[in-house]
Amino acid sequence: MDKLIKDMLSLFPHSSEEATKKRKMLVDYKEDRATFDDGTYLESHHDQDCCENHWLDFSTLKGQGAEWAMFPEHLVDMFDVTERDVPNLIKEDWISFVTMKDSRGYVYTLTIYNSNNGYYGTDVTVIMRDKDGHELERLKIQN
């Protein structure tokens, strides 16, 4: 049966190996989290110190067509963490962006909000948790 399914999938434009990879469907998102159909969810994390706050706003997915999109199983395949030349805007508040890619290759832009007095770092990490809140993996998306 498995061979038959793999043979049938090989008829489609993508490879049968890629077609059988696990994927997650985005079913809900709010400012502080994005939730998938298997119960796993994403949240952002920053080791906060005095006078600073940095977070990834998942609600910025709204209106981009990400609703019900299928995403890769792992964060490294989901987020583009290519180093970017970010303008030196370290005043009080600024925003930056990160892209999130679904399994079809469509790209969605998420906003990272940053606030500090210019002394502290700006690192933001995405954490994937299972439905019980246990950490599955993490990926630093902003230094």
N, C-alpha and C. Protein backbone atom coordinates (compact mmCIF):
# COMPACT_ATOMS: atom_id res chain seq x y z
N MET A 1 0.82 -1.20 0.00
CA MET A 1 0.00 0.00 0.00
C MET A 1 0.86 1.26 0.00
N ASP A 2 1.90 1.30 0.89
CA ASP A 2 2.78 2.46 0.94
C ASP A 2 3.48 2.69 -0.39
N LYS A 3 3.90 1.60 -1.05
CA LYS A 3 4.58 1.72 -2.33
C LYS A 3 3.61 2.29 -3.37
N LEU A 4 2.37 1.84 -3.35
CA LEU A 4 1.38 2.34 -4.29
C LEU A 4 1.17 3.85 -4.10
N ILE A 5 1.06 4.31 -2.85
CA ILE A 5 0.87 5.73 -2.56
C ILE A 5 2.08 6.53 -3.04
N LYS A 6 3.28 6.04 -2.74
CA LYS A 6 4.50 6.74 -3.18
C LYS A 6 4.58 6.79 -4.70
N ASP A 7 4.19 5.69 -5.37
CA ASP A 7 4.20 5.68 -6.83
C ASP A 7 3.21 6.69 -7.39
N MET A 8 2.03 6.78 -6.78
CA MET A 8 1.03 7.74 -7.25
C MET A 8 1.51 9.17 -7.01
N LEU A 9 2.12 9.42 -5.86
CA LEU A 9 2.61 10.77 -5.57
C LEU A 9 3.74 11.17 -6.50
N SER A 10 4.49 10.19 -7.01
CA SER A 10 5.60 10.51 -7.90
C SER A 10 5.11 11.06 -9.24
N LEU A 11 3.82 10.90 -9.54
CA LEU A 11 3.26 11.43 -10.78
C LEU A 11 3.05 12.93 -10.74
N PHE A 12 3.04 13.51 -9.53
CA PHE A 12 2.83 14.94 -9.38
C PHE A 12 4.14 15.69 -9.58
N PRO A 13 4.10 17.03 -9.79
CA PRO A 13 5.29 17.80 -10.11
C PRO A 13 6.38 17.79 -9.05
N HIS A 14 6.05 17.52 -7.80
CA HIS A 14 7.08 17.49 -6.77
C HIS A 14 7.50 16.05 -6.52
N SER A 15 8.62 15.86 -5.90
CA SER A 15 9.12 14.52 -5.66
C SER A 15 8.24 13.79 -4.66
N SER A 16 8.21 12.47 -4.76
CA SER A 16 7.39 11.68 -3.83
C SER A 16 7.93 11.80 -2.42
N GLU A 17 9.26 11.95 -2.28
CA GLU A 17 9.84 12.11 -0.94
C GLU A 17 9.35 13.39 -0.30
N GLU A 18 9.33 14.47 -1.08
CA GLU A 18 8.86 15.75 -0.55
C GLU A 18 7.37 15.69 -0.24
N ALA A 19 6.61 14.98 -1.05
CA ALA A 19 5.17 14.90 -0.84
C ALA A 19 4.81 14.15 0.43
N THR A 20 5.67 13.25 0.87
CA THR A 20 5.35 12.48 2.06
C THR A 20 5.93 13.09 3.34
N LYS A 21 6.63 14.21 3.24
CA LYS A 21 7.13 14.89 4.44
C LYS A 21 5.96 15.37 5.28
N LYS A 22 6.17 15.39 6.58
CA LYS A 22 5.11 15.86 7.47
C LYS A 22 4.93 17.37 7.30
N ARG A 23 3.70 17.78 7.35
CA ARG A 23 3.37 19.20 7.25
C ARG A 23 2.36 19.53 8.32
N LYS A 24 2.28 20.83 8.65
CA LYS A 24 1.36 21.32 9.67
C LYS A 24 0.46 22.37 9.04
N MET A 25 -0.82 22.31 9.35
CA MET A 25 -1.76 23.31 8.83
C MET A 25 -1.96 24.40 9.90
N LEU A 26 -1.78 25.64 9.48
CA LEU A 26 -2.03 26.77 10.38
C LEU A 26 -3.54 26.93 10.57
N VAL A 27 -3.99 26.84 11.82
CA VAL A 27 -5.43 26.91 12.08
C VAL A 27 -5.84 28.14 12.90
N ASP A 28 -4.87 28.78 13.55
CA ASP A 28 -5.21 29.96 14.36
C ASP A 28 -3.94 30.76 14.62
N TYR A 29 -4.11 32.06 14.76
CA TYR A 29 -2.98 32.90 15.15
C TYR A 29 -3.51 34.10 15.92
N LYS A 30 -2.72 34.49 16.88
CA LYS A 30 -2.99 35.68 17.70
C LYS A 30 -1.67 36.41 17.80
N GLU A 31 -1.65 37.52 18.49
CA GLU A 31 -0.42 38.28 18.62
C GLU A 31 0.72 37.45 19.19
N ASP A 32 0.43 36.62 20.19
CA ASP A 32 1.50 35.92 20.89
C ASP A 32 1.73 34.47 20.46
N ARG A 33 0.91 33.94 19.51
CA ARG A 33 1.14 32.55 19.10
C ARG A 33 0.45 32.22 17.79
N ALA A 34 1.01 31.21 17.11
CA ALA A 34 0.40 30.63 15.92
C ALA A 34 0.20 29.15 16.21
N THR A 35 -1.00 28.63 15.96
CA THR A 35 -1.34 27.26 16.31
C THR A 35 -1.60 26.44 15.05
N PHE A 36 -1.11 25.18 15.08
CA PHE A 36 -1.26 24.27 13.96
C PHE A 36 -2.28 23.18 14.28
N ASP A 37 -2.72 22.46 13.24
CA ASP A 37 -3.77 21.46 13.39
C ASP A 37 -3.38 20.28 14.29
N ASP A 38 -2.10 20.04 14.49
CA ASP A 38 -1.69 18.93 15.36
C ASP A 38 -1.55 19.37 16.82
N GLY A 39 -1.92 20.63 17.10
CA GLY A 39 -1.86 21.14 18.47
C GLY A 39 -0.56 21.84 18.81
N THR A 40 0.46 21.68 17.96
CA THR A 40 1.71 22.40 18.22
C THR A 40 1.47 23.88 17.97
N TYR A 41 2.30 24.69 18.59
CA TYR A 41 2.16 26.13 18.40
C TYR A 41 3.53 26.80 18.46
N LEU A 42 3.58 27.99 17.88
CA LEU A 42 4.79 28.81 17.88
C LEU A 42 4.57 30.00 18.80
N GLU A 43 5.62 30.38 19.48
CA GLU A 43 5.61 31.61 20.27
C GLU A 43 7.00 32.22 20.18
N SER A 44 7.09 33.50 20.45
CA SER A 44 8.41 34.14 20.41
C SER A 44 8.94 34.28 21.83
N HIS A 45 10.26 34.40 21.92
CA HIS A 45 10.90 34.52 23.22
C HIS A 45 12.06 35.50 23.12
N HIS A 46 12.23 36.27 24.17
CA HIS A 46 13.38 37.18 24.30
C HIS A 46 13.77 37.19 25.77
N ASP A 47 15.06 37.01 26.06
CA ASP A 47 15.53 37.10 27.43
C ASP A 47 15.49 38.57 27.83
N GLN A 48 14.37 38.97 28.38
CA GLN A 48 14.14 40.38 28.66
C GLN A 48 14.93 40.86 29.86
N ASP A 49 15.45 42.06 29.71
CA ASP A 49 16.14 42.74 30.78
C ASP A 49 15.36 44.04 31.04
N CYS A 50 15.85 44.82 31.94
CA CYS A 50 15.21 46.10 32.24
C CYS A 50 15.12 46.96 30.98
N CYS A 51 14.06 47.70 30.86
CA CYS A 51 13.94 48.75 29.83
C CYS A 51 13.92 48.23 28.41
N GLU A 52 13.44 47.00 28.17
CA GLU A 52 13.38 46.49 26.80
C GLU A 52 12.25 45.49 26.64
N ASN A 53 11.83 45.33 25.40
CA ASN A 53 10.82 44.35 25.05
C ASN A 53 10.93 44.07 23.56
N HIS A 54 10.98 42.80 23.18
CA HIS A 54 11.10 42.40 21.77
C HIS A 54 10.21 41.19 21.57
N TRP A 55 9.34 41.22 20.54
CA TRP A 55 8.46 40.08 20.30
C TRP A 55 8.04 40.01 18.85
N LEU A 56 7.73 38.80 18.43
CA LEU A 56 7.23 38.51 17.10
C LEU A 56 5.71 38.51 17.17
N ASP A 57 5.09 39.29 16.31
CA ASP A 57 3.63 39.44 16.31
C ASP A 57 3.02 38.53 15.24
N PHE A 58 2.49 37.39 15.67
CA PHE A 58 1.89 36.43 14.72
C PHE A 58 0.59 36.95 14.12
N SER A 59 -0.05 37.92 14.74
CA SER A 59 -1.30 38.45 14.18
C SER A 59 -1.05 39.20 12.88
N THR A 60 0.21 39.51 12.57
CA THR A 60 0.50 40.19 11.30
C THR A 60 0.37 39.23 10.11
N LEU A 61 0.05 37.96 10.36
CA LEU A 61 -0.27 37.02 9.28
C LEU A 61 -1.62 37.34 8.65
N LYS A 62 -2.47 38.04 9.39
CA LYS A 62 -3.82 38.34 8.91
C LYS A 62 -3.79 39.04 7.56
N GLY A 63 -4.61 38.54 6.65
CA GLY A 63 -4.75 39.16 5.34
C GLY A 63 -3.69 38.76 4.34
N GLN A 64 -2.76 37.89 4.73
CA GLN A 64 -1.70 37.47 3.81
C GLN A 64 -1.98 36.13 3.15
N GLY A 65 -3.09 35.48 3.50
CA GLY A 65 -3.45 34.20 2.89
C GLY A 65 -2.85 32.99 3.58
N ALA A 66 -2.33 33.17 4.78
CA ALA A 66 -1.70 32.06 5.50
C ALA A 66 -2.72 31.15 6.18
N GLU A 67 -3.95 31.60 6.27
CA GLU A 67 -4.98 30.80 6.93
C GLU A 67 -5.12 29.46 6.21
N TRP A 68 -5.02 28.37 6.95
CA TRP A 68 -5.15 27.00 6.48
C TRP A 68 -4.02 26.57 5.56
N ALA A 69 -2.95 27.35 5.48
CA ALA A 69 -1.78 26.94 4.69
C ALA A 69 -1.04 25.83 5.42
N MET A 70 -0.36 25.00 4.64
CA MET A 70 0.43 23.91 5.20
C MET A 70 1.88 24.40 5.33
N PHE A 71 2.49 24.12 6.49
CA PHE A 71 3.85 24.56 6.77
C PHE A 71 4.76 23.37 7.04
N PRO A 72 6.06 23.53 6.77
CA PRO A 72 7.01 22.45 7.06
C PRO A 72 6.98 22.08 8.54
N GLU A 73 7.46 20.90 8.83
CA GLU A 73 7.44 20.39 10.19
C GLU A 73 8.45 21.09 11.11
N HIS A 74 9.57 21.58 10.54
CA HIS A 74 10.63 22.13 11.37
C HIS A 74 10.82 23.63 11.13
N LEU A 75 11.21 24.33 12.20
CA LEU A 75 11.39 25.79 12.15
C LEU A 75 12.43 26.22 11.12
N VAL A 76 13.51 25.47 11.00
CA VAL A 76 14.58 25.85 10.08
C VAL A 76 14.07 25.87 8.63
N ASP A 77 13.05 25.07 8.33
CA ASP A 77 12.45 25.06 6.99
C ASP A 77 11.34 26.09 6.84
N MET A 78 10.87 26.61 7.96
CA MET A 78 9.73 27.52 7.99
C MET A 78 10.14 28.99 7.95
N PHE A 79 11.27 29.33 8.57
CA PHE A 79 11.68 30.74 8.68
C PHE A 79 12.95 31.03 7.90
N ASP A 80 12.98 32.20 7.28
CA ASP A 80 14.18 32.69 6.61
C ASP A 80 14.94 33.54 7.61
N VAL A 81 16.08 33.03 8.06
CA VAL A 81 16.86 33.76 9.06
C VAL A 81 18.15 34.31 8.45
N THR A 82 18.10 34.60 7.15
CA THR A 82 19.24 35.18 6.47
C THR A 82 19.58 36.52 7.11
N GLU A 83 20.87 36.76 7.36
CA GLU A 83 21.28 38.04 7.94
C GLU A 83 20.88 39.18 7.02
N ARG A 84 20.31 40.21 7.58
CA ARG A 84 19.91 41.39 6.81
C ARG A 84 20.61 42.61 7.36
N ASP A 85 20.80 43.56 6.52
CA ASP A 85 21.38 44.83 6.93
C ASP A 85 20.25 45.68 7.50
N VAL A 86 20.13 45.73 8.80
CA VAL A 86 19.06 46.50 9.44
C VAL A 86 19.59 47.89 9.77
N PRO A 87 18.86 48.92 9.36
CA PRO A 87 19.33 50.28 9.65
C PRO A 87 19.53 50.50 11.15
N ASN A 88 20.49 51.30 11.49
CA ASN A 88 20.79 51.58 12.89
C ASN A 88 19.76 52.58 13.42
N LEU A 89 18.62 52.05 13.84
CA LEU A 89 17.52 52.89 14.31
C LEU A 89 17.37 52.82 15.82
N ILE A 90 18.44 52.50 16.52
CA ILE A 90 18.34 52.29 17.96
C ILE A 90 18.11 53.63 18.65
N LYS A 91 16.86 54.01 18.65
CA LYS A 91 16.41 55.20 19.38
C LYS A 91 15.61 54.69 20.56
N GLU A 92 14.30 54.72 20.43
CA GLU A 92 13.43 54.20 21.48
C GLU A 92 12.70 52.95 21.00
N ASP A 93 12.02 53.04 19.87
CA ASP A 93 11.22 51.94 19.35
C ASP A 93 11.47 51.78 17.86
N TRP A 94 11.40 50.55 17.39
CA TRP A 94 11.49 50.30 15.96
C TRP A 94 10.91 48.94 15.67
N ILE A 95 10.71 48.67 14.38
CA ILE A 95 10.20 47.37 13.98
C ILE A 95 11.15 46.75 12.97
N SER A 96 11.11 45.44 12.89
CA SER A 96 11.84 44.71 11.87
C SER A 96 10.94 43.58 11.41
N PHE A 97 11.40 42.80 10.46
CA PHE A 97 10.55 41.79 9.85
C PHE A 97 11.30 40.48 9.67
N VAL A 98 10.53 39.39 9.62
CA VAL A 98 11.07 38.08 9.30
C VAL A 98 10.05 37.41 8.37
N THR A 99 10.53 36.56 7.48
CA THR A 99 9.61 35.87 6.59
C THR A 99 9.44 34.42 7.02
N MET A 100 8.22 33.94 6.81
CA MET A 100 7.82 32.59 7.14
C MET A 100 7.32 31.96 5.85
N LYS A 101 7.81 30.76 5.54
CA LYS A 101 7.49 30.14 4.26
C LYS A 101 6.65 28.88 4.47
N ASP A 102 5.59 28.74 3.67
CA ASP A 102 4.78 27.53 3.77
C ASP A 102 5.36 26.44 2.88
N SER A 103 4.73 25.28 2.87
CA SER A 103 5.25 24.13 2.14
C SER A 103 5.21 24.31 0.62
N ARG A 104 4.38 25.21 0.14
CA ARG A 104 4.32 25.48 -1.30
C ARG A 104 5.33 26.53 -1.74
N GLY A 105 6.00 27.15 -0.75
CA GLY A 105 6.98 28.17 -1.08
C GLY A 105 6.45 29.59 -0.98
N TYR A 106 5.16 29.75 -0.63
CA TYR A 106 4.62 31.09 -0.44
C TYR A 106 5.22 31.71 0.81
N VAL A 107 5.50 33.00 0.74
CA VAL A 107 6.18 33.69 1.83
C VAL A 107 5.24 34.69 2.50
N TYR A 108 5.29 34.71 3.83
CA TYR A 108 4.48 35.60 4.64
C TYR A 108 5.42 36.43 5.50
N THR A 109 5.11 37.71 5.67
CA THR A 109 5.97 38.61 6.44
C THR A 109 5.38 38.84 7.82
N LEU A 110 6.20 38.60 8.83
CA LEU A 110 5.80 38.82 10.21
C LEU A 110 6.57 40.01 10.77
N THR A 111 5.92 40.77 11.61
CA THR A 111 6.54 41.95 12.22
C THR A 111 7.15 41.58 13.56
N ILE A 112 8.36 42.09 13.79
CA ILE A 112 9.01 41.96 15.09
C ILE A 112 9.04 43.36 15.68
N TYR A 113 8.44 43.51 16.85
CA TYR A 113 8.44 44.80 17.53
C TYR A 113 9.59 44.83 18.52
N ASN A 114 10.29 45.94 18.53
CA ASN A 114 11.46 46.11 19.37
C ASN A 114 11.34 47.41 20.15
N SER A 115 11.65 47.34 21.41
CA SER A 115 11.62 48.54 22.22
C SER A 115 12.70 48.43 23.28
N ASN A 116 13.62 49.37 23.28
CA ASN A 116 14.61 49.46 24.36
C ASN A 116 15.29 50.82 24.31
N ASN A 117 16.19 51.03 25.24
CA ASN A 117 16.85 52.33 25.30
C ASN A 117 18.15 52.37 24.50
N GLY A 118 18.38 51.35 23.66
CA GLY A 118 19.57 51.33 22.82
C GLY A 118 20.74 50.60 23.44
N TYR A 119 20.63 50.21 24.66
CA TYR A 119 21.73 49.55 25.36
C TYR A 119 21.66 48.03 25.24
N TYR A 120 20.45 47.48 25.18
CA TYR A 120 20.26 46.04 25.23
C TYR A 120 20.20 45.42 23.84
N GLY A 121 20.24 44.09 23.78
CA GLY A 121 20.19 43.36 22.51
C GLY A 121 18.80 43.31 21.93
N THR A 122 18.70 42.77 20.73
CA THR A 122 17.42 42.70 20.03
C THR A 122 17.05 41.27 19.65
N ASP A 123 17.72 40.29 20.24
CA ASP A 123 17.48 38.92 19.81
C ASP A 123 16.05 38.46 20.10
N VAL A 124 15.50 37.72 19.13
CA VAL A 124 14.18 37.11 19.26
C VAL A 124 14.31 35.68 18.77
N THR A 125 13.72 34.76 19.53
CA THR A 125 13.75 33.34 19.20
C THR A 125 12.33 32.85 19.04
N VAL A 126 12.11 31.98 18.03
CA VAL A 126 10.81 31.32 17.88
C VAL A 126 10.93 29.95 18.54
N ILE A 127 9.93 29.62 19.34
CA ILE A 127 9.90 28.33 20.01
C ILE A 127 8.66 27.57 19.53
N MET A 128 8.87 26.31 19.15
CA MET A 128 7.75 25.43 18.81
C MET A 128 7.48 24.54 20.02
N ARG A 129 6.22 24.51 20.45
CA ARG A 129 5.83 23.70 21.61
C ARG A 129 4.74 22.70 21.19
N ASP A 130 4.71 21.57 21.88
CA ASP A 130 3.62 20.63 21.63
C ASP A 130 2.36 21.12 22.33
N LYS A 131 1.26 20.41 22.15
CA LYS A 131 -0.02 20.87 22.69
C LYS A 131 -0.02 20.96 24.21
N ASP A 132 0.93 20.27 24.88
CA ASP A 132 1.04 20.32 26.34
C ASP A 132 2.02 21.40 26.82
N GLY A 133 2.60 22.14 25.88
CA GLY A 133 3.50 23.23 26.24
C GLY A 133 4.97 22.85 26.35
N HIS A 134 5.31 21.60 26.03
CA HIS A 134 6.72 21.18 26.09
C HIS A 134 7.45 21.69 24.84
N GLU A 135 8.65 22.21 25.06
CA GLU A 135 9.43 22.73 23.94
C GLU A 135 9.90 21.61 23.03
N LEU A 136 9.67 21.78 21.72
CA LEU A 136 10.12 20.82 20.72
C LEU A 136 11.39 21.28 20.02
N GLU A 137 11.43 22.55 19.68
CA GLU A 137 12.61 23.12 19.04
C GLU A 137 12.56 24.64 19.14
N ARG A 138 13.70 25.27 18.87
CA ARG A 138 13.79 26.73 18.89
C ARG A 138 14.73 27.18 17.79
N LEU A 139 14.50 28.42 17.32
CA LEU A 139 15.32 29.00 16.26
C LEU A 139 15.44 30.50 16.49
N LYS A 140 16.67 30.99 16.56
CA LYS A 140 16.88 32.42 16.71
C LYS A 140 16.61 33.09 15.36
N ILE A 141 15.70 34.05 15.35
CA ILE A 141 15.32 34.70 14.09
C ILE A 141 15.81 36.14 14.00
N GLN A 142 16.27 36.70 15.09
CA GLN A 142 16.80 38.06 15.07
C GLN A 142 17.89 38.17 16.11
N ASN A 143 19.04 38.70 15.70
CA ASN A 143 20.16 38.89 16.63
C ASN A 143 20.11 40.25 17.26
